[in-house]
N, C-alpha and C. Protein backbone atom coordinates (compact mmCIF):
# COMPACT_ATOMS: atom_id res chain seq x y z
N UNK A 1 -2.86 10.93 2.69
CA UNK A 1 -2.32 10.98 1.34
C UNK A 1 -1.98 9.58 0.83
N UNK A 2 -1.29 8.80 1.69
CA UNK A 2 -0.90 7.46 1.27
C UNK A 2 -2.13 6.57 1.06
N UNK A 3 -3.17 6.78 1.89
CA UNK A 3 -4.39 5.99 1.75
C UNK A 3 -5.08 6.32 0.43
N UNK A 4 -5.11 7.60 0.06
CA UNK A 4 -5.71 8.01 -1.21
C UNK A 4 -4.94 7.40 -2.38
N UNK A 5 -3.63 7.41 -2.28
CA UNK A 5 -2.80 6.81 -3.34
C UNK A 5 -3.06 5.31 -3.41
N UNK A 6 -3.17 4.67 -2.25
CA UNK A 6 -3.44 3.23 -2.22
C UNK A 6 -4.80 2.93 -2.87
N UNK A 7 -5.82 3.74 -2.55
CA UNK A 7 -7.15 3.54 -3.15
C UNK A 7 -7.09 3.74 -4.66
N UNK A 8 -6.33 4.73 -5.10
CA UNK A 8 -6.16 4.99 -6.52
C UNK A 8 -5.47 3.80 -7.20
N UNK A 9 -4.52 3.22 -6.49
CA UNK A 9 -3.80 2.05 -6.98
C UNK A 9 -4.78 0.89 -7.22
N UNK A 10 -5.68 0.68 -6.28
CA UNK A 10 -6.68 -0.40 -6.41
C UNK A 10 -7.59 -0.14 -7.61
N UNK A 11 -8.03 1.09 -7.77
CA UNK A 11 -8.90 1.44 -8.91
C UNK A 11 -8.18 1.20 -10.23
N UNK A 12 -6.93 1.67 -10.30
CA UNK A 12 -6.17 1.47 -11.54
C UNK A 12 -5.94 -0.01 -11.83
N UNK A 13 -5.72 -0.78 -10.79
CA UNK A 13 -5.52 -2.21 -10.98
C UNK A 13 -6.79 -2.86 -11.55
N UNK A 14 -7.96 -2.44 -11.06
CA UNK A 14 -9.23 -2.96 -11.58
C UNK A 14 -9.40 -2.56 -13.04
N UNK A 15 -9.08 -1.30 -13.35
CA UNK A 15 -9.17 -0.84 -14.74
C UNK A 15 -8.21 -1.65 -15.61
N UNK A 16 -7.00 -1.86 -15.09
CA UNK A 16 -6.01 -2.63 -15.83
C UNK A 16 -6.51 -4.03 -16.14
N UNK A 17 -7.12 -4.69 -15.15
CA UNK A 17 -7.61 -6.05 -15.34
C UNK A 17 -8.78 -6.10 -16.33
N UNK A 18 -9.62 -5.08 -16.33
CA UNK A 18 -10.78 -5.05 -17.22
C UNK A 18 -10.35 -4.72 -18.66
N UNK A 19 -9.42 -3.82 -18.79
CA UNK A 19 -9.05 -3.30 -20.12
C UNK A 19 -7.62 -3.69 -20.51
N UNK A 20 -7.30 -4.93 -20.39
CA UNK A 20 -5.93 -5.37 -20.70
C UNK A 20 -5.54 -5.10 -22.15
N UNK A 21 -6.54 -5.00 -23.03
CA UNK A 21 -6.24 -4.81 -24.45
C UNK A 21 -5.75 -3.41 -24.76
N UNK A 22 -6.02 -2.49 -23.89
CA UNK A 22 -5.64 -1.10 -24.16
C UNK A 22 -4.28 -0.81 -23.55
N UNK A 23 -3.34 -0.54 -24.41
CA UNK A 23 -1.95 -0.33 -24.00
C UNK A 23 -1.79 0.86 -23.05
N UNK A 24 -2.59 1.87 -23.22
CA UNK A 24 -2.46 3.07 -22.39
C UNK A 24 -2.64 2.75 -20.91
N UNK A 25 -3.54 1.83 -20.61
CA UNK A 25 -3.76 1.47 -19.21
C UNK A 25 -2.55 0.73 -18.64
N UNK A 26 -1.89 -0.03 -19.48
CA UNK A 26 -0.66 -0.70 -19.04
C UNK A 26 0.37 0.34 -18.60
N UNK A 27 0.54 1.37 -19.41
CA UNK A 27 1.49 2.41 -19.08
C UNK A 27 1.06 3.17 -17.83
N UNK A 28 -0.22 3.50 -17.74
CA UNK A 28 -0.71 4.21 -16.56
C UNK A 28 -0.48 3.40 -15.29
N UNK A 29 -0.74 2.11 -15.38
CA UNK A 29 -0.56 1.25 -14.22
C UNK A 29 0.91 1.21 -13.81
N UNK A 30 1.80 1.07 -14.76
CA UNK A 30 3.23 1.01 -14.46
C UNK A 30 3.72 2.33 -13.85
N UNK A 31 3.26 3.44 -14.39
CA UNK A 31 3.66 4.74 -13.87
C UNK A 31 3.15 4.91 -12.45
N UNK A 32 1.90 4.55 -12.23
CA UNK A 32 1.34 4.69 -10.89
C UNK A 32 2.05 3.77 -9.89
N UNK A 33 2.34 2.55 -10.30
CA UNK A 33 3.04 1.61 -9.41
C UNK A 33 4.41 2.18 -9.02
N UNK A 34 5.09 2.81 -9.97
CA UNK A 34 6.38 3.42 -9.68
C UNK A 34 6.21 4.57 -8.69
N UNK A 35 5.23 5.43 -8.92
CA UNK A 35 4.98 6.54 -7.99
C UNK A 35 4.61 6.02 -6.61
N UNK A 36 3.79 5.00 -6.58
CA UNK A 36 3.35 4.41 -5.32
C UNK A 36 4.55 3.89 -4.53
N UNK A 37 5.48 3.22 -5.21
CA UNK A 37 6.64 2.67 -4.51
C UNK A 37 7.59 3.78 -4.04
N UNK A 38 7.63 4.89 -4.75
CA UNK A 38 8.48 6.01 -4.34
C UNK A 38 7.93 6.66 -3.08
N UNK A 39 6.61 6.78 -2.97
CA UNK A 39 5.99 7.46 -1.85
C UNK A 39 5.91 6.60 -0.59
N UNK A 40 6.03 5.31 -0.74
CA UNK A 40 5.94 4.43 0.41
C UNK A 40 7.29 4.36 1.13
N UNK A 41 7.23 4.35 2.44
CA UNK A 41 8.45 4.21 3.22
C UNK A 41 8.76 2.74 3.47
N UNK A 42 9.92 2.51 4.00
CA UNK A 42 10.37 1.15 4.29
C UNK A 42 10.26 0.86 5.78
N UNK A 43 10.40 -0.41 6.10
CA UNK A 43 10.52 -0.84 7.49
C UNK A 43 12.01 -1.09 7.73
N UNK A 44 12.52 -0.64 8.86
CA UNK A 44 13.91 -0.84 9.20
C UNK A 44 13.98 -1.63 10.51
N UNK A 45 14.60 -2.81 10.47
CA UNK A 45 14.64 -3.70 11.62
C UNK A 45 16.05 -3.81 12.19
N UNK A 46 16.11 -4.00 13.51
CA UNK A 46 17.38 -4.06 14.21
C UNK A 46 17.46 -5.32 15.07
N UNK A 47 18.59 -6.01 14.97
CA UNK A 47 18.96 -7.05 15.93
C UNK A 47 20.07 -6.42 16.75
N UNK A 48 19.66 -5.72 17.81
CA UNK A 48 20.57 -4.89 18.60
C UNK A 48 21.47 -5.74 19.49
N UNK A 49 22.75 -5.40 19.49
CA UNK A 49 23.71 -6.10 20.33
C UNK A 49 24.69 -5.12 20.96
N UNK A 50 25.39 -5.60 21.96
CA UNK A 50 26.34 -4.75 22.68
C UNK A 50 27.47 -4.26 21.78
N UNK A 51 28.01 -5.15 20.93
CA UNK A 51 29.13 -4.81 20.05
C UNK A 51 28.68 -4.35 18.66
N UNK A 52 27.72 -5.08 18.09
CA UNK A 52 27.28 -4.77 16.73
C UNK A 52 25.77 -5.01 16.61
N UNK A 53 25.20 -4.39 15.60
CA UNK A 53 23.76 -4.47 15.38
C UNK A 53 23.50 -4.86 13.94
N UNK A 54 22.73 -5.92 13.77
CA UNK A 54 22.30 -6.34 12.44
C UNK A 54 21.11 -5.49 12.01
N UNK A 55 21.09 -5.12 10.74
CA UNK A 55 20.03 -4.26 10.23
C UNK A 55 19.43 -4.90 8.97
N UNK A 56 18.11 -4.88 8.92
CA UNK A 56 17.39 -5.39 7.74
C UNK A 56 16.40 -4.32 7.31
N UNK A 57 16.00 -4.40 6.05
CA UNK A 57 15.09 -3.41 5.48
C UNK A 57 14.07 -4.09 4.60
N UNK A 58 12.90 -3.50 4.50
CA UNK A 58 11.87 -4.00 3.58
C UNK A 58 11.94 -3.21 2.29
N UNK A 59 11.31 -3.74 1.27
CA UNK A 59 11.15 -2.96 0.05
C UNK A 59 10.04 -1.93 0.31
N UNK A 60 9.86 -0.93 -0.56
CA UNK A 60 8.84 0.10 -0.30
C UNK A 60 7.41 -0.45 -0.20
N UNK A 61 7.13 -1.55 -0.86
CA UNK A 61 5.78 -2.12 -0.79
C UNK A 61 5.62 -3.06 0.40
N UNK A 62 6.68 -3.22 1.17
CA UNK A 62 6.68 -4.04 2.39
C UNK A 62 6.31 -5.49 2.12
N UNK A 63 6.94 -6.04 1.08
CA UNK A 63 6.72 -7.43 0.70
C UNK A 63 7.95 -8.28 1.02
N UNK A 64 9.13 -7.72 0.77
CA UNK A 64 10.38 -8.46 0.89
C UNK A 64 11.22 -7.90 2.05
N UNK A 65 11.74 -8.79 2.88
CA UNK A 65 12.67 -8.42 3.95
C UNK A 65 14.07 -8.84 3.53
N UNK A 66 15.01 -7.91 3.57
CA UNK A 66 16.38 -8.19 3.16
C UNK A 66 17.36 -7.72 4.23
N UNK A 67 18.38 -8.53 4.47
CA UNK A 67 19.45 -8.09 5.35
C UNK A 67 20.18 -6.93 4.69
N UNK A 68 20.39 -5.87 5.42
CA UNK A 68 21.03 -4.69 4.85
C UNK A 68 22.52 -4.65 5.18
N UNK A 69 22.84 -4.67 6.47
CA UNK A 69 24.23 -4.57 6.89
C UNK A 69 24.34 -4.89 8.38
N UNK A 70 25.55 -4.88 8.86
CA UNK A 70 25.82 -4.94 10.30
C UNK A 70 26.70 -3.75 10.62
N UNK A 71 26.35 -3.05 11.69
CA UNK A 71 27.04 -1.82 12.06
C UNK A 71 27.56 -1.94 13.48
N UNK A 72 28.75 -1.37 13.75
CA UNK A 72 29.21 -1.29 15.13
C UNK A 72 28.17 -0.50 15.91
N UNK A 73 27.78 -1.00 17.05
CA UNK A 73 26.69 -0.38 17.82
C UNK A 73 26.99 1.08 18.17
N UNK A 74 28.25 1.40 18.42
CA UNK A 74 28.58 2.79 18.76
C UNK A 74 28.44 3.73 17.56
N UNK A 75 28.30 3.21 16.35
CA UNK A 75 28.11 4.03 15.15
C UNK A 75 26.69 3.90 14.58
N UNK A 76 25.81 3.26 15.34
CA UNK A 76 24.48 2.94 14.84
C UNK A 76 23.64 4.17 14.51
N UNK A 77 23.63 5.16 15.39
CA UNK A 77 22.79 6.33 15.15
C UNK A 77 23.29 7.16 13.96
N UNK A 78 24.60 7.16 13.71
CA UNK A 78 25.13 7.80 12.51
C UNK A 78 24.60 7.09 11.26
N UNK A 79 24.62 5.76 11.30
CA UNK A 79 24.11 4.98 10.17
C UNK A 79 22.62 5.27 9.94
N UNK A 80 21.84 5.27 11.03
CA UNK A 80 20.40 5.50 10.90
C UNK A 80 20.13 6.88 10.30
N UNK A 81 20.85 7.88 10.78
CA UNK A 81 20.67 9.25 10.25
C UNK A 81 20.98 9.31 8.76
N UNK A 82 22.07 8.69 8.35
CA UNK A 82 22.44 8.66 6.94
C UNK A 82 21.38 7.93 6.11
N UNK A 83 20.89 6.81 6.64
CA UNK A 83 19.91 6.01 5.90
C UNK A 83 18.59 6.78 5.75
N UNK A 84 18.15 7.41 6.82
CA UNK A 84 16.88 8.16 6.77
C UNK A 84 16.99 9.36 5.84
N UNK A 85 18.18 9.90 5.69
CA UNK A 85 18.36 11.02 4.76
C UNK A 85 18.16 10.57 3.31
N UNK A 86 18.43 9.28 3.03
CA UNK A 86 18.31 8.76 1.66
C UNK A 86 16.97 8.08 1.40
N UNK A 87 16.41 7.44 2.41
CA UNK A 87 15.19 6.63 2.24
C UNK A 87 14.14 7.02 3.27
N UNK A 88 12.87 6.93 2.87
CA UNK A 88 11.78 7.13 3.82
C UNK A 88 11.62 5.86 4.65
N UNK A 89 11.46 6.03 5.93
CA UNK A 89 11.24 4.90 6.84
C UNK A 89 9.91 5.13 7.55
N UNK A 90 9.01 4.15 7.43
CA UNK A 90 7.70 4.25 8.07
C UNK A 90 7.71 3.76 9.51
N UNK A 91 8.60 2.82 9.82
CA UNK A 91 8.57 2.20 11.14
C UNK A 91 9.90 1.52 11.44
N UNK A 92 10.30 1.58 12.71
CA UNK A 92 11.45 0.81 13.19
C UNK A 92 10.92 -0.45 13.86
N UNK A 93 11.58 -1.57 13.59
CA UNK A 93 11.25 -2.84 14.23
C UNK A 93 12.48 -3.24 15.04
N UNK A 94 12.30 -3.47 16.33
CA UNK A 94 13.42 -3.82 17.19
C UNK A 94 13.19 -5.22 17.74
N UNK A 95 14.18 -6.07 17.56
CA UNK A 95 14.12 -7.41 18.15
C UNK A 95 14.16 -7.30 19.65
N UNK A 96 13.17 -7.90 20.30
CA UNK A 96 13.03 -7.77 21.75
C UNK A 96 13.16 -9.14 22.40
N UNK A 97 14.14 -9.30 23.30
CA UNK A 97 14.36 -10.61 23.90
C UNK A 97 13.36 -10.91 25.02
N UNK A 98 12.79 -12.07 24.96
CA UNK A 98 11.91 -12.55 26.04
C UNK A 98 12.36 -13.95 26.40
N UNK A 99 12.01 -14.38 27.57
CA UNK A 99 12.34 -15.73 28.01
C UNK A 99 11.14 -16.63 27.74
N UNK A 100 11.39 -17.86 27.40
CA UNK A 100 10.30 -18.79 27.13
C UNK A 100 9.41 -19.00 28.35
N UNK A 101 10.02 -19.05 29.52
CA UNK A 101 9.25 -19.30 30.74
C UNK A 101 8.95 -18.03 31.53
N UNK A 102 9.21 -16.86 30.92
CA UNK A 102 8.98 -15.55 31.56
C UNK A 102 9.71 -15.41 32.89
N UNK A 103 10.84 -16.07 33.02
CA UNK A 103 11.63 -15.97 34.24
C UNK A 103 12.52 -14.73 34.15
N UNK A 104 13.72 -14.83 34.60
CA UNK A 104 14.65 -13.70 34.61
C UNK A 104 14.81 -13.10 33.22
N UNK A 105 14.85 -11.77 33.13
CA UNK A 105 14.99 -11.14 31.81
C UNK A 105 16.35 -11.43 31.18
N UNK A 106 16.40 -11.31 29.89
CA UNK A 106 17.64 -11.51 29.14
C UNK A 106 18.68 -10.49 29.59
N UNK A 107 19.95 -10.87 29.51
CA UNK A 107 21.04 -9.96 29.90
C UNK A 107 21.12 -8.74 28.98
N UNK A 108 20.59 -8.84 27.77
CA UNK A 108 20.65 -7.71 26.83
C UNK A 108 19.43 -6.79 26.92
N UNK A 109 18.45 -7.17 27.73
CA UNK A 109 17.22 -6.38 27.82
C UNK A 109 17.45 -4.92 28.22
N UNK A 110 18.26 -4.62 29.24
CA UNK A 110 18.48 -3.20 29.60
C UNK A 110 19.12 -2.41 28.45
N UNK A 111 20.04 -3.03 27.73
CA UNK A 111 20.68 -2.35 26.59
C UNK A 111 19.66 -2.03 25.50
N UNK A 112 18.79 -2.98 25.23
CA UNK A 112 17.79 -2.80 24.18
C UNK A 112 16.77 -1.74 24.59
N UNK A 113 16.37 -1.74 25.86
CA UNK A 113 15.43 -0.71 26.34
C UNK A 113 16.04 0.68 26.21
N UNK A 114 17.32 0.79 26.53
CA UNK A 114 18.02 2.07 26.40
C UNK A 114 18.08 2.51 24.93
N UNK A 115 18.36 1.55 24.04
CA UNK A 115 18.39 1.85 22.61
C UNK A 115 17.03 2.34 22.12
N UNK A 116 15.97 1.67 22.54
CA UNK A 116 14.61 2.05 22.13
C UNK A 116 14.28 3.45 22.62
N UNK A 117 14.68 3.76 23.84
CA UNK A 117 14.43 5.10 24.40
C UNK A 117 15.15 6.17 23.59
N UNK A 118 16.43 5.93 23.28
CA UNK A 118 17.20 6.90 22.48
C UNK A 118 16.60 7.04 21.07
N UNK A 119 16.20 5.92 20.50
CA UNK A 119 15.63 5.92 19.16
C UNK A 119 14.34 6.73 19.12
N UNK A 120 13.49 6.55 20.12
CA UNK A 120 12.21 7.28 20.15
C UNK A 120 12.42 8.78 20.39
N UNK A 121 13.46 9.14 21.13
CA UNK A 121 13.75 10.55 21.36
C UNK A 121 14.33 11.22 20.12
N UNK A 122 15.21 10.49 19.44
CA UNK A 122 15.87 11.07 18.26
C UNK A 122 14.93 11.13 17.05
N UNK A 123 14.03 10.14 16.94
CA UNK A 123 13.11 10.08 15.79
C UNK A 123 11.67 9.94 16.30
N UNK A 124 11.13 10.99 16.90
CA UNK A 124 9.79 10.88 17.51
C UNK A 124 8.66 10.65 16.50
N UNK A 125 8.88 10.96 15.23
CA UNK A 125 7.82 10.80 14.23
C UNK A 125 7.80 9.41 13.59
N UNK A 126 8.75 8.57 13.93
CA UNK A 126 8.78 7.22 13.37
C UNK A 126 8.42 6.23 14.48
N UNK A 127 7.32 5.51 14.30
CA UNK A 127 6.91 4.56 15.34
C UNK A 127 7.91 3.41 15.49
N UNK A 128 7.93 2.84 16.69
CA UNK A 128 8.82 1.72 16.99
C UNK A 128 7.95 0.54 17.40
N UNK A 129 8.17 -0.58 16.74
CA UNK A 129 7.45 -1.82 17.07
C UNK A 129 8.47 -2.82 17.60
N UNK A 130 8.04 -3.65 18.53
CA UNK A 130 8.90 -4.69 19.09
C UNK A 130 8.49 -6.03 18.51
N UNK A 131 9.48 -6.85 18.21
CA UNK A 131 9.22 -8.18 17.67
C UNK A 131 10.08 -9.19 18.43
N UNK A 132 9.46 -10.29 18.81
CA UNK A 132 10.16 -11.33 19.56
C UNK A 132 11.35 -11.83 18.75
N UNK A 133 12.49 -11.91 19.42
CA UNK A 133 13.70 -12.37 18.71
C UNK A 133 14.16 -13.74 19.19
N UNK A 134 13.22 -14.53 19.71
CA UNK A 134 13.57 -15.88 20.15
C UNK A 134 14.28 -16.67 19.04
N UNK A 135 15.40 -17.21 19.35
CA UNK A 135 16.12 -18.15 18.49
C UNK A 135 16.52 -17.59 17.13
N UNK A 136 16.52 -16.28 16.94
CA UNK A 136 16.85 -15.76 15.60
C UNK A 136 18.29 -16.08 15.22
N UNK A 137 19.21 -16.05 16.18
CA UNK A 137 20.60 -16.37 15.85
C UNK A 137 20.74 -17.83 15.45
N UNK A 138 20.04 -18.70 16.15
CA UNK A 138 20.09 -20.13 15.81
C UNK A 138 19.45 -20.38 14.45
N UNK A 139 18.35 -19.70 14.18
CA UNK A 139 17.70 -19.84 12.87
C UNK A 139 18.61 -19.30 11.78
N UNK A 140 19.32 -18.20 12.07
CA UNK A 140 20.24 -17.62 11.09
C UNK A 140 21.35 -18.60 10.74
N UNK A 141 21.92 -19.24 11.76
CA UNK A 141 22.98 -20.22 11.51
C UNK A 141 22.43 -21.39 10.69
N UNK A 142 21.24 -21.85 11.04
CA UNK A 142 20.60 -22.94 10.29
C UNK A 142 20.39 -22.53 8.83
N UNK A 143 19.98 -21.29 8.62
CA UNK A 143 19.79 -20.77 7.26
C UNK A 143 21.10 -20.76 6.50
N UNK A 144 22.18 -20.39 7.18
CA UNK A 144 23.50 -20.38 6.55
C UNK A 144 23.94 -21.79 6.17
N UNK A 145 23.66 -22.75 7.04
CA UNK A 145 23.99 -24.15 6.75
C UNK A 145 23.19 -24.62 5.54
N UNK A 146 21.88 -24.34 5.57
CA UNK A 146 21.02 -24.74 4.46
C UNK A 146 21.43 -24.07 3.15
N UNK A 147 22.01 -22.86 3.26
CA UNK A 147 22.47 -22.14 2.09
C UNK A 147 23.81 -22.63 1.56
N UNK A 148 24.41 -23.56 2.27
CA UNK A 148 25.65 -24.15 1.79
C UNK A 148 26.91 -23.39 2.18
N UNK A 149 26.82 -22.48 3.15
CA UNK A 149 28.02 -21.75 3.57
C UNK A 149 28.96 -22.68 4.35
N UNK A 150 30.22 -22.49 4.14
CA UNK A 150 31.22 -23.30 4.82
C UNK A 150 31.34 -22.86 6.27
N UNK A 151 31.96 -23.72 7.08
CA UNK A 151 32.05 -23.50 8.51
C UNK A 151 32.70 -22.16 8.85
N UNK A 152 33.76 -21.81 8.16
CA UNK A 152 34.45 -20.53 8.42
C UNK A 152 33.53 -19.34 8.12
N UNK A 153 32.73 -19.44 7.07
CA UNK A 153 31.80 -18.36 6.73
C UNK A 153 30.69 -18.25 7.78
N UNK A 154 30.30 -19.37 8.36
CA UNK A 154 29.24 -19.37 9.36
C UNK A 154 29.70 -18.77 10.69
N UNK A 155 31.01 -18.63 10.87
CA UNK A 155 31.54 -18.02 12.09
C UNK A 155 31.49 -16.49 12.03
N UNK A 156 31.14 -15.96 10.90
CA UNK A 156 31.06 -14.51 10.72
C UNK A 156 29.84 -13.98 11.49
N UNK A 157 30.10 -13.42 12.67
CA UNK A 157 29.00 -12.97 13.54
C UNK A 157 28.25 -11.79 12.94
N UNK A 158 28.92 -10.99 12.14
CA UNK A 158 28.24 -9.86 11.50
C UNK A 158 27.17 -10.37 10.53
N UNK A 159 27.49 -11.44 9.81
CA UNK A 159 26.51 -12.02 8.89
C UNK A 159 25.34 -12.63 9.67
N UNK A 160 25.64 -13.28 10.78
CA UNK A 160 24.58 -13.86 11.61
C UNK A 160 23.64 -12.77 12.10
N UNK A 161 24.21 -11.63 12.54
CA UNK A 161 23.38 -10.52 13.03
C UNK A 161 22.50 -9.94 11.92
N UNK A 162 23.07 -9.82 10.72
CA UNK A 162 22.30 -9.29 9.59
C UNK A 162 21.15 -10.23 9.22
N UNK A 163 21.42 -11.52 9.18
CA UNK A 163 20.38 -12.49 8.87
C UNK A 163 19.34 -12.52 9.99
N UNK A 164 19.78 -12.41 11.24
CA UNK A 164 18.85 -12.37 12.36
C UNK A 164 17.90 -11.18 12.24
N UNK A 165 18.44 -10.03 11.84
CA UNK A 165 17.60 -8.84 11.66
C UNK A 165 16.56 -9.08 10.57
N UNK A 166 16.95 -9.76 9.50
CA UNK A 166 15.99 -10.03 8.43
C UNK A 166 14.93 -11.03 8.89
N UNK A 167 15.29 -11.96 9.77
CA UNK A 167 14.31 -12.90 10.32
C UNK A 167 13.32 -12.15 11.22
N UNK A 168 13.83 -11.22 12.03
CA UNK A 168 12.95 -10.40 12.88
C UNK A 168 11.99 -9.61 12.01
N UNK A 169 12.50 -9.00 10.95
CA UNK A 169 11.65 -8.20 10.05
C UNK A 169 10.62 -9.08 9.35
N UNK A 170 11.03 -10.22 8.84
CA UNK A 170 10.10 -11.14 8.15
C UNK A 170 8.99 -11.60 9.10
N UNK A 171 9.38 -11.89 10.33
CA UNK A 171 8.39 -12.31 11.34
C UNK A 171 7.38 -11.20 11.60
N UNK A 172 7.87 -9.97 11.72
CA UNK A 172 6.98 -8.82 11.94
C UNK A 172 6.03 -8.65 10.74
N UNK A 173 6.58 -8.73 9.54
CA UNK A 173 5.76 -8.53 8.34
C UNK A 173 4.71 -9.63 8.21
N UNK A 174 5.09 -10.87 8.53
CA UNK A 174 4.13 -11.98 8.49
C UNK A 174 3.01 -11.77 9.51
N UNK A 175 3.37 -11.29 10.70
CA UNK A 175 2.38 -11.04 11.74
C UNK A 175 1.39 -9.96 11.31
N UNK A 176 1.89 -8.91 10.68
CA UNK A 176 1.04 -7.78 10.28
C UNK A 176 0.15 -8.12 9.09
N UNK A 177 0.56 -9.07 8.26
CA UNK A 177 -0.25 -9.46 7.10
C UNK A 177 -1.43 -10.32 7.52
N UNK A 178 -1.31 -11.06 8.61
CA UNK A 178 -2.39 -11.96 9.04
C UNK A 178 -3.40 -11.28 9.90
């Protein structure tokens, strides 16, 4: 169904480009674009942690990655259930820790594997993709500095987790586009 809608979108876009002078095509294109965005699901990304989890989301067209929130990890599945009730989600993206030299696994790896297992059992129809989370917290802090946040604001670990989740999502989206 989504593929048919996507093909229809391409056809309408071609018609729109050919017949720009006809106002009706402008309206048809806008209506179809709105329908297309409603039918498309979002990507939901997690920077999973022992205490709290940063969450990021894509727009329905999967172009923009935005930090959504940070949730206490013990309330994470309640949040996911509430979010899925309101929005369609096509895929979960989970930040997965790896070591640069492939030596000893990260201390958070068992927790993340357990989270992935629970997530796949609770939502078997939503695929789960793993994305390398190397240095996302450091990149998040650098982003906060570049954004002009003061030192006290940069100590907000919830904000760092949310930005890290958006970096994980952006990295995943960039990988899938290439």
